[in-house]
Amino acid sequence: MGTPTPADTDALPNGPLDASAVHLCVDMQNLFARETDWHTPWLARVLPDVRRLAERHPGRTIFTRFIPAERPGEGRGCWKRYYERWASMTIEALGPEMIDLVPELAALTPPAEVIDKTVYSPWLDPALETALQRRGTGTLVITGGETDVCVLATVLGAVDRGYRIVLATDGLCSSSDETHDALLTLYQQRFGQQIETARIDQILRNWI
């Protein structure tokens, strides 16, 4: 066997991304970017590369937003208790502007689309699936935060629905180094048949 060429080593495991691929960016919002109780310091670090990916095909980009409870104690079951604990992170306490996308990404909407959710998973509401079906999407390129919470819920829901998933490892952020690293190991080792991992530069070189 010969030595692999740069083109060989740069290829994604399941081939290039075609016109049906969608960049699904999870919860890159002010309430995580700014100095709140849910501040995610890494967000600022990965944001330039996430924006670069979104700028490649803004019309094929979907941003999700996590919408907290309006006020403490709202929500069903454990979510009621959750917002009693995180009263500082309700819309009443934060102000509505904090649920917005960070300005660098908000500037891409439209043509990029925004889909809201009130729980970790974006799949419980049919809006995301409907938007993807409308586009004929078979592949999702996933970025955003947090690696070990909302990204996890997004990825597992996509696996269950049979999407091809390309996870941008340098486009993810978390407030916990330990669980971020653990989840990358999980994605790569336990779900290696269903999840491809790649860096954003590699993804861009493989996106038609």
C-alpha atoms as a PDB file:
ATOM      1  CA  MET A   1       0.000   0.000   0.000  1.00  0.00           C
ATOM      2  CA  GLY A   2       1.202   3.507  -0.799  1.00  0.00           C
ATOM      3  CA  THR A   3       1.378   6.461   1.541  1.00  0.00           C
ATOM      4  CA  PRO A   4      -2.010   8.218   1.865  1.00  0.00           C
ATOM      5  CA  THR A   5      -2.186  11.516  -0.009  1.00  0.00           C
ATOM      6  CA  PRO A   6      -3.445  14.697   1.698  1.00  0.00           C
ATOM      7  CA  ALA A   7      -6.703  14.322  -0.228  1.00  0.00           C
ATOM      8  CA  ASP A   8      -7.156  10.819   1.182  1.00  0.00           C
ATOM      9  CA  THR A   9      -6.525  11.813   4.791  1.00  0.00           C
ATOM     10  CA  ASP A  10      -8.740  14.918   4.518  1.00  0.00           C
ATOM     11  CA  ALA A  11     -11.811  13.039   3.277  1.00  0.00           C
ATOM     12  CA  LEU A  12     -14.793  12.549   5.551  1.00  0.00           C
ATOM     13  CA  PRO A  13     -15.496   8.864   6.348  1.00  0.00           C
ATOM     14  CA  ASN A  14     -18.750   8.794   4.387  1.00  0.00           C
ATOM     15  CA  GLY A  15     -17.793  11.123   1.572  1.00  0.00           C
ATOM     16  CA  PRO A  16     -18.296  14.823   0.839  1.00  0.00           C
ATOM     17  CA  LEU A  17     -21.281  16.892   1.935  1.00  0.00           C
ATOM     18  CA  ASP A  18     -23.791  17.592  -0.802  1.00  0.00           C
ATOM     19  CA  ALA A  19     -26.445  20.238  -1.358  1.00  0.00           C
ATOM     20  CA  SER A  20     -28.872  18.544   1.039  1.00  0.00           C
ATOM     21  CA  ALA A  21     -26.603  18.985   4.078  1.00  0.00           C
ATOM     22  CA  VAL A  22     -27.685  21.437   6.781  1.00  0.00           C
ATOM     23  CA  HIS A  23     -25.573  23.115   9.452  1.00  0.00           C
ATOM     24  CA  LEU A  24     -27.501  22.765  12.732  1.00  0.00           C
ATOM     25  CA  CYS A  25     -26.064  25.157  15.305  1.00  0.00           C
ATOM     26  CA  VAL A  26     -27.235  24.571  18.873  1.00  0.00           C
ATOM     27  CA  ASP A  27     -28.025  27.396  21.316  1.00  0.00           C
ATOM     28  CA  MET A  28     -25.301  29.968  20.619  1.00  0.00           C
ATOM     29  CA  GLN A  29     -27.145  32.657  22.578  1.00  0.00           C
ATOM     30  CA  ASN A  30     -26.482  35.715  24.708  1.00  0.00           C
ATOM     31  CA  LEU A  31     -27.522  33.952  27.917  1.00  0.00           C
ATOM     32  CA  PHE A  32     -24.577  31.562  27.472  1.00  0.00           C
ATOM     33  CA  ALA A  33     -22.129  34.080  25.979  1.00  0.00           C
ATOM     34  CA  ARG A  34     -22.491  36.757  28.644  1.00  0.00           C
ATOM     35  CA  GLU A  35     -21.716  36.799  32.366  1.00  0.00           C
ATOM     36  CA  THR A  36     -24.769  34.903  33.615  1.00  0.00           C
ATOM     37  CA  ASP A  37     -25.096  31.866  35.861  1.00  0.00           C
ATOM     38  CA  TRP A  38     -25.003  29.771  32.682  1.00  0.00           C
ATOM     39  CA  HIS A  39     -21.962  31.482  31.182  1.00  0.00           C
ATOM     40  CA  THR A  40     -20.049  29.170  28.838  1.00  0.00           C
ATOM     41  CA  PRO A  41     -16.541  30.633  28.537  1.00  0.00           C
ATOM     42  CA  TRP A  42     -15.598  28.507  25.520  1.00  0.00           C
ATOM     43  CA  LEU A  43     -18.384  29.986  23.430  1.00  0.00           C
ATOM     44  CA  ALA A  44     -16.322  33.055  22.555  1.00  0.00           C
ATOM     45  CA  ARG A  45     -13.418  30.812  21.547  1.00  0.00           C
ATOM     46  CA  VAL A  46     -15.371  28.639  19.100  1.00  0.00           C
ATOM     47  CA  LEU A  47     -17.636  31.413  17.793  1.00  0.00           C
ATOM     48  CA  PRO A  48     -15.373  32.662  14.946  1.00  0.00           C
ATOM     49  CA  ASP A  49     -15.106  29.176  13.429  1.00  0.00           C
ATOM     50  CA  VAL A  50     -18.822  28.459  13.910  1.00  0.00           C
ATOM     51  CA  ARG A  51     -19.617  31.706  12.135  1.00  0.00           C
ATOM     52  CA  ARG A  52     -17.200  30.792   9.333  1.00  0.00           C
ATOM     53  CA  LEU A  53     -19.064  27.518   8.846  1.00  0.00           C
ATOM     54  CA  ALA A  54     -22.465  29.238   8.937  1.00  0.00           C
ATOM     55  CA  GLU A  55     -21.298  31.830   6.402  1.00  0.00           C
ATOM     56  CA  ARG A  56     -20.450  29.104   3.871  1.00  0.00           C
ATOM     57  CA  HIS A  57     -24.139  28.268   3.383  1.00  0.00           C
ATOM     58  CA  PRO A  58     -26.333  30.581   5.513  1.00  0.00           C
ATOM     59  CA  GLY A  59     -29.425  29.459   3.639  1.00  0.00           C
ATOM     60  CA  ARG A  60     -28.655  25.905   4.754  1.00  0.00           C
ATOM     61  CA  THR A  61     -28.091  26.853   8.396  1.00  0.00           C
ATOM     62  CA  ILE A  62     -30.572  26.382  11.231  1.00  0.00           C
ATOM     63  CA  PHE A  63     -29.974  27.878  14.669  1.00  0.00           C
ATOM     64  CA  THR A  64     -31.789  26.513  17.705  1.00  0.00           C
ATOM     65  CA  ARG A  65     -32.492  28.663  20.745  1.00  0.00           C
ATOM     66  CA  PHE A  66     -33.157  27.407  24.264  1.00  0.00           C
ATOM     67  CA  ILE A  67     -36.049  29.409  25.737  1.00  0.00           C
ATOM     68  CA  PRO A  68     -36.121  29.393  29.567  1.00  0.00           C
ATOM     69  CA  ALA A  69     -39.257  29.654  31.655  1.00  0.00           C
ATOM     70  CA  GLU A  70     -40.822  33.084  31.897  1.00  0.00           C
ATOM     71  CA  ARG A  71     -40.580  33.110  35.694  1.00  0.00           C
ATOM     72  CA  PRO A  72     -39.418  30.878  38.598  1.00  0.00           C
ATOM     73  CA  GLY A  73     -41.471  27.767  39.288  1.00  0.00           C
ATOM     74  CA  GLU A  74     -42.939  27.458  35.796  1.00  0.00           C
ATOM     75  CA  GLY A  75     -42.624  24.187  33.951  1.00  0.00           C
ATOM     76  CA  ARG A  76     -43.729  20.594  34.186  1.00  0.00           C
ATOM     77  CA  GLY A  77     -42.400  18.190  36.814  1.00  0.00           C
ATOM     78  CA  CYS A  78     -38.640  18.419  37.243  1.00  0.00           C
ATOM     79  CA  TRP A  79     -38.551  21.579  35.099  1.00  0.00           C
ATOM     80  CA  LYS A  80     -40.585  23.395  37.746  1.00  0.00           C
ATOM     81  CA  ARG A  81     -37.951  22.496  40.335  1.00  0.00           C
ATOM     82  CA  TYR A  82     -35.215  23.385  37.849  1.00  0.00           C
ATOM     83  CA  TYR A  83     -36.436  26.946  37.449  1.00  0.00           C
ATOM     84  CA  GLU A  84     -36.883  27.338  41.166  1.00  0.00           C
ATOM     85  CA  ARG A  85     -33.163  26.533  41.415  1.00  0.00           C
ATOM     86  CA  TRP A  86     -32.243  28.706  38.426  1.00  0.00           C
ATOM     87  CA  ALA A  87     -34.553  31.640  39.099  1.00  0.00           C
ATOM     88  CA  SER A  88     -31.816  33.971  37.860  1.00  0.00           C
ATOM     89  CA  MET A  89     -32.047  32.400  34.406  1.00  0.00           C
ATOM     90  CA  THR A  90     -35.743  32.978  33.752  1.00  0.00           C
ATOM     91  CA  ILE A  91     -36.796  35.490  31.125  1.00  0.00           C
ATOM     92  CA  GLU A  92     -38.259  37.658  33.884  1.00  0.00           C
ATOM     93  CA  ALA A  93     -34.829  37.945  35.512  1.00  0.00           C
ATOM     94  CA  LEU A  94     -32.685  38.051  32.368  1.00  0.00           C
ATOM     95  CA  GLY A  95     -34.701  40.188  29.998  1.00  0.00           C
ATOM     96  CA  PRO A  96     -35.924  38.947  26.617  1.00  0.00           C
ATOM     97  CA  GLU A  97     -32.816  40.101  24.715  1.00  0.00           C
ATOM     98  CA  MET A  98     -30.747  37.435  26.463  1.00  0.00           C
ATOM     99  CA  ILE A  99     -32.459  34.611  24.591  1.00  0.00           C
ATOM    100  CA  ASP A 100     -31.318  36.084  21.263  1.00  0.00           C
ATOM    101  CA  LEU A 101     -28.535  34.530  19.223  1.00  0.00           C
ATOM    102  CA  VAL A 102     -25.166  36.161  19.698  1.00  0.00           C
ATOM    103  CA  PRO A 103     -24.950  39.136  17.302  1.00  0.00           C
ATOM    104  CA  GLU A 104     -22.338  37.519  15.036  1.00  0.00           C
ATOM    105  CA  LEU A 105     -24.796  34.716  14.204  1.00  0.00           C
ATOM    106  CA  ALA A 106     -28.019  36.720  14.407  1.00  0.00           C
ATOM    107  CA  ALA A 107     -26.642  38.782  11.505  1.00  0.00           C
ATOM    108  CA  LEU A 108     -27.001  35.684   9.281  1.00  0.00           C
ATOM    109  CA  THR A 109     -30.774  35.441   9.847  1.00  0.00           C
ATOM    110  CA  PRO A 110     -32.314  35.445   7.349  1.00  0.00           C
ATOM    111  CA  PRO A 111     -31.514  33.492   5.255  1.00  0.00           C
ATOM    112  CA  ALA A 112     -30.507  31.234   8.177  1.00  0.00           C
ATOM    113  CA  GLU A 113     -33.513  29.950  10.113  1.00  0.00           C
ATOM    114  CA  VAL A 114     -34.175  29.993  13.871  1.00  0.00           C
ATOM    115  CA  ILE A 115     -36.100  27.275  15.717  1.00  0.00           C
ATOM    116  CA  ASP A 116     -36.951  27.629  19.408  1.00  0.00           C
ATOM    117  CA  LYS A 117     -37.243  24.918  22.050  1.00  0.00           C
ATOM    118  CA  THR A 118     -38.020  24.868  25.771  1.00  0.00           C
ATOM    119  CA  VAL A 119     -36.143  21.649  26.635  1.00  0.00           C
ATOM    120  CA  TYR A 120     -32.737  20.215  25.762  1.00  0.00           C
ATOM    121  CA  SER A 121     -33.887  18.297  22.698  1.00  0.00           C
ATOM    122  CA  PRO A 122     -35.018  20.174  19.573  1.00  0.00           C
ATOM    123  CA  TRP A 123     -36.890  17.108  18.342  1.00  0.00           C
ATOM    124  CA  LEU A 124     -39.940  17.134  20.645  1.00  0.00           C
ATOM    125  CA  ASP A 125     -41.519  19.935  18.657  1.00  0.00           C
ATOM    126  CA  PRO A 126     -42.087  19.006  14.976  1.00  0.00           C
ATOM    127  CA  ALA A 127     -40.726  22.339  13.676  1.00  0.00           C
ATOM    128  CA  LEU A 128     -37.157  21.121  13.204  1.00  0.00           C
ATOM    129  CA  GLU A 129     -38.083  17.883  11.444  1.00  0.00           C
ATOM    130  CA  THR A 130     -40.506  19.789   9.222  1.00  0.00           C
ATOM    131  CA  ALA A 131     -37.812  22.306   8.245  1.00  0.00           C
ATOM    132  CA  LEU A 132     -35.360  19.518   7.431  1.00  0.00           C
ATOM    133  CA  GLN A 133     -37.892  17.542   5.403  1.00  0.00           C
ATOM    134  CA  ARG A 134     -38.770  20.668   3.448  1.00  0.00           C
ATOM    135  CA  ARG A 135     -35.118  20.928   2.435  1.00  0.00           C
ATOM    136  CA  GLY A 136     -34.749  17.215   1.682  1.00  0.00           C
ATOM    137  CA  THR A 137     -32.006  17.029   4.300  1.00  0.00           C
ATOM    138  CA  GLY A 138     -30.148  13.788   4.891  1.00  0.00           C
ATOM    139  CA  THR A 139     -27.019  15.131   6.608  1.00  0.00           C
ATOM    140  CA  LEU A 140     -26.552  17.372   9.648  1.00  0.00           C
ATOM    141  CA  VAL A 141     -23.342  19.212  10.467  1.00  0.00           C
ATOM    142  CA  ILE A 142     -23.667  19.991  14.176  1.00  0.00           C
ATOM    143  CA  THR A 143     -22.019  22.748  16.210  1.00  0.00           C
ATOM    144  CA  GLY A 144     -22.895  24.677  19.363  1.00  0.00           C
ATOM    145  CA  GLY A 145     -23.307  24.137  23.075  1.00  0.00           C
ATOM    146  CA  GLU A 146     -23.235  22.560  25.379  1.00  0.00           C
ATOM    147  CA  THR A 147     -21.402  19.452  24.195  1.00  0.00           C
ATOM    148  CA  ASP A 148     -22.708  17.442  27.138  1.00  0.00           C
ATOM    149  CA  VAL A 149     -26.289  18.768  27.382  1.00  0.00           C
ATOM    150  CA  CYS A 150     -28.207  20.255  24.439  1.00  0.00           C
ATOM    151  CA  VAL A 151     -25.745  19.051  21.800  1.00  0.00           C
ATOM    152  CA  LEU A 152     -26.018  15.567  23.278  1.00  0.00           C
ATOM    153  CA  ALA A 153     -29.822  15.662  23.075  1.00  0.00           C
ATOM    154  CA  THR A 154     -29.638  16.993  19.514  1.00  0.00           C
ATOM    155  CA  VAL A 155     -27.174  14.350  18.352  1.00  0.00           C
ATOM    156  CA  LEU A 156     -28.994  11.387  19.888  1.00  0.00           C
ATOM    157  CA  GLY A 157     -32.311  12.521  18.411  1.00  0.00           C
ATOM    158  CA  ALA A 158     -30.669  12.830  15.000  1.00  0.00           C
ATOM    159  CA  VAL A 159     -29.174   9.341  15.331  1.00  0.00           C
ATOM    160  CA  ASP A 160     -32.592   7.904  16.154  1.00  0.00           C
ATOM    161  CA  ARG A 161     -34.033   9.559  13.044  1.00  0.00           C
ATOM    162  CA  GLY A 162     -31.325   8.155  10.786  1.00  0.00           C
ATOM    163  CA  TYR A 163     -29.564  11.353   9.770  1.00  0.00           C
ATOM    164  CA  ARG A 164     -25.953  11.306   8.736  1.00  0.00           C
ATOM    165  CA  ILE A 165     -24.188  13.341  11.440  1.00  0.00           C
ATOM    166  CA  VAL A 166     -20.924  15.218  11.102  1.00  0.00           C
ATOM    167  CA  LEU A 167     -19.945  16.675  14.466  1.00  0.00           C
ATOM    168  CA  ALA A 168     -17.578  19.655  14.312  1.00  0.00           C
ATOM    169  CA  THR A 169     -15.259  18.972  17.232  1.00  0.00           C
ATOM    170  CA  ASP A 170     -13.794  22.490  17.286  1.00  0.00           C
ATOM    171  CA  GLY A 171     -17.255  24.044  16.942  1.00  0.00           C
ATOM    172  CA  LEU A 172     -18.528  22.714  20.285  1.00  0.00           C
ATOM    173  CA  CYS A 173     -18.405  24.360  23.701  1.00  0.00           C
ATOM    174  CA  SER A 174     -19.188  23.465  27.294  1.00  0.00           C
ATOM    175  CA  SER A 175     -18.800  24.953  30.753  1.00  0.00           C
ATOM    176  CA  SER A 176     -17.149  21.692  31.856  1.00  0.00           C
ATOM    177  CA  ASP A 177     -13.842  20.518  30.377  1.00  0.00           C
ATOM    178  CA  GLU A 178     -14.204  17.086  31.939  1.00  0.00           C
ATOM    179  CA  THR A 179     -17.617  16.213  30.557  1.00  0.00           C
ATOM    180  CA  HIS A 180     -16.858  17.847  27.185  1.00  0.00           C
ATOM    181  CA  ASP A 181     -13.893  15.502  26.802  1.00  0.00           C
ATOM    182  CA  ALA A 182     -15.942  12.538  28.019  1.00  0.00           C
ATOM    183  CA  LEU A 183     -18.674  13.237  25.480  1.00  0.00           C
ATOM    184  CA  LEU A 184     -16.225  13.507  22.602  1.00  0.00           C
ATOM    185  CA  THR A 185     -14.961  10.067  23.617  1.00  0.00           C
ATOM    186  CA  LEU A 186     -18.544   8.804  23.712  1.00  0.00           C
ATOM    187  CA  TYR A 187     -19.383  10.225  20.293  1.00  0.00           C
ATOM    188  CA  GLN A 188     -16.227   8.837  18.694  1.00  0.00           C
ATOM    189  CA  GLN A 189     -16.028   5.416  20.344  1.00  0.00           C
ATOM    190  CA  ARG A 190     -19.565   4.335  21.180  1.00  0.00           C
ATOM    191  CA  PHE A 191     -21.293   5.938  18.188  1.00  0.00           C
ATOM    192  CA  GLY A 192     -18.491   5.688  15.664  1.00  0.00           C
ATOM    193  CA  GLN A 193     -20.719   3.968  13.087  1.00  0.00           C
ATOM    194  CA  GLN A 194     -23.335   6.732  13.225  1.00  0.00           C
ATOM    195  CA  ILE A 195     -21.370   9.891  14.047  1.00  0.00           C
ATOM    196  CA  GLU A 196     -18.483  11.301  12.063  1.00  0.00           C
ATOM    197  CA  THR A 197     -16.241  13.786  13.824  1.00  0.00           C
ATOM    198  CA  ALA A 198     -14.132  16.373  12.003  1.00  0.00           C
ATOM    199  CA  ARG A 199     -12.681  19.826  12.433  1.00  0.00           C
ATOM    200  CA  ILE A 200     -14.357  22.791  10.755  1.00  0.00           C
ATOM    201  CA  ASP A 201     -11.572  23.322   8.209  1.00  0.00           C
ATOM    202  CA  GLN A 202     -11.943  19.701   7.109  1.00  0.00           C
ATOM    203  CA  ILE A 203     -15.729  20.041   6.911  1.00  0.00           C
ATOM    204  CA  LEU A 204     -15.454  23.179   4.764  1.00  0.00           C
ATOM    205  CA  ARG A 205     -13.067  21.463   2.363  1.00  0.00           C
ATOM    206  CA  ASN A 206     -15.575  18.620   1.964  1.00  0.00           C
ATOM    207  CA  TRP A 207     -18.726  20.741   1.580  1.00  0.00           C
ATOM    208  CA  ILE A 208     -19.756  21.212  -2.044  1.00  0.00           C
END
